[in-house]
Amino acid sequence: MVIVYTTPTCPHCKSAKRYLSERKVPFREVDVTRSEEGLKSLKRKSGQTGVPVIDVNGQIIVGFNRPKLDRALGIRSVE
């Protein structure tokens, strides 16, 4: 399960969602501006409130870090 914690105005969040969609990785988006429970979950998992935070089966990735995201997803990174 992949969860992407986002806000509507975050450009890196949009890039992360596009990246996952292009690779056909299913994910659930949690807009922390609309979900107090989502914000609490984000803080609990990452220790911060900045977005994006991506949870890949419990592995937390802060920011849109493609190499880390690819490793967590088991995708061979091409840079």
Protein backbone atom coordinates (compact mmCIF):
# COMPACT_ATOMS: atom_id res chain seq x y z
CA MET A 1 0.00 0.00 0.00
CA VAL A 2 1.33 3.42 -0.97
CA ILE A 3 0.01 6.54 0.74
CA VAL A 4 0.98 10.03 -0.41
CA TYR A 5 0.43 12.84 2.09
CA THR A 6 -0.14 16.07 0.20
CA THR A 7 -1.51 19.60 0.12
CA PRO A 8 -3.29 21.10 -2.90
CA THR A 9 -0.63 23.76 -3.56
CA CYS A 10 2.48 21.57 -3.23
CA PRO A 11 4.31 21.24 -6.58
CA HIS A 12 6.47 18.34 -5.32
CA CYS A 13 3.31 16.50 -4.28
CA LYS A 14 1.95 16.85 -7.81
CA SER A 15 5.23 15.57 -9.24
CA ALA A 16 5.23 12.57 -6.90
CA LYS A 17 1.63 11.67 -7.80
CA ARG A 18 2.38 12.02 -11.52
CA TYR A 19 5.50 9.86 -11.13
CA LEU A 20 3.54 7.10 -9.39
CA SER A 21 0.68 7.30 -11.90
CA GLU A 22 3.06 7.11 -14.88
CA ARG A 23 4.54 3.93 -13.38
CA LYS A 24 1.04 2.56 -12.72
CA VAL A 25 1.68 2.35 -8.97
CA PRO A 26 -1.65 2.48 -7.13
CA PHE A 27 -1.67 4.93 -4.25
CA ARG A 28 -4.02 6.64 -1.85
CA GLU A 29 -3.73 10.39 -1.48
CA VAL A 30 -4.30 12.04 1.88
CA ASP A 31 -4.75 15.81 1.66
CA VAL A 32 -3.59 16.95 5.10
CA THR A 33 -5.39 20.29 4.69
CA ARG A 34 -8.72 18.46 4.62
CA SER A 35 -8.04 15.61 7.02
CA GLU A 36 -7.05 16.28 10.62
CA GLU A 37 -6.61 12.54 11.08
CA GLY A 38 -4.35 12.48 8.02
CA LEU A 39 -2.22 15.28 9.46
CA LYS A 40 -1.91 13.41 12.76
CA SER A 41 -0.88 10.27 10.87
CA LEU A 42 1.69 12.25 8.87
CA LYS A 43 3.20 13.71 12.06
CA ARG A 44 3.25 10.30 13.75
CA LYS A 45 4.96 8.59 10.81
CA SER A 46 7.47 11.27 9.79
CA GLY A 47 7.82 13.52 12.81
CA GLN A 48 7.05 16.59 10.73
CA THR A 49 4.33 18.43 8.84
CA GLY A 50 6.08 19.07 5.51
CA VAL A 51 4.79 17.37 2.38
CA PRO A 52 5.04 15.27 0.38
CA VAL A 53 5.57 12.31 2.62
CA ILE A 54 5.22 8.94 0.94
CA ASP A 55 4.52 5.78 2.90
CA VAL A 56 5.44 2.64 0.96
CA ASN A 57 4.31 -0.31 3.06
CA GLY A 58 5.55 1.40 6.22
CA GLN A 59 8.76 2.78 4.72
CA ILE A 60 8.59 6.57 5.06
CA ILE A 61 10.07 8.80 2.37
CA VAL A 62 10.16 12.50 3.15
CA GLY A 63 9.96 14.65 0.04
CA PHE A 64 9.87 13.51 -3.55
CA ASN A 65 13.10 11.52 -3.60
CA ARG A 66 12.97 9.38 -6.74
CA PRO A 67 15.91 7.05 -5.93
CA LYS A 68 14.53 6.27 -2.45
CA LEU A 69 11.02 5.90 -3.84
CA ASP A 70 12.21 3.55 -6.58
CA ARG A 71 14.12 1.42 -4.06
CA ALA A 72 11.08 1.22 -1.79
CA LEU A 73 8.92 0.20 -4.74
CA GLY A 74 11.49 -2.23 -6.14
CA ILE A 75 11.81 -0.22 -9.36
CA ARG A 76 15.16 -0.04 -11.03
CA SER A 77 16.12 3.64 -11.09
CA VAL A 78 17.27 5.16 -14.38
CA GLU A 79 18.94 8.50 -13.75
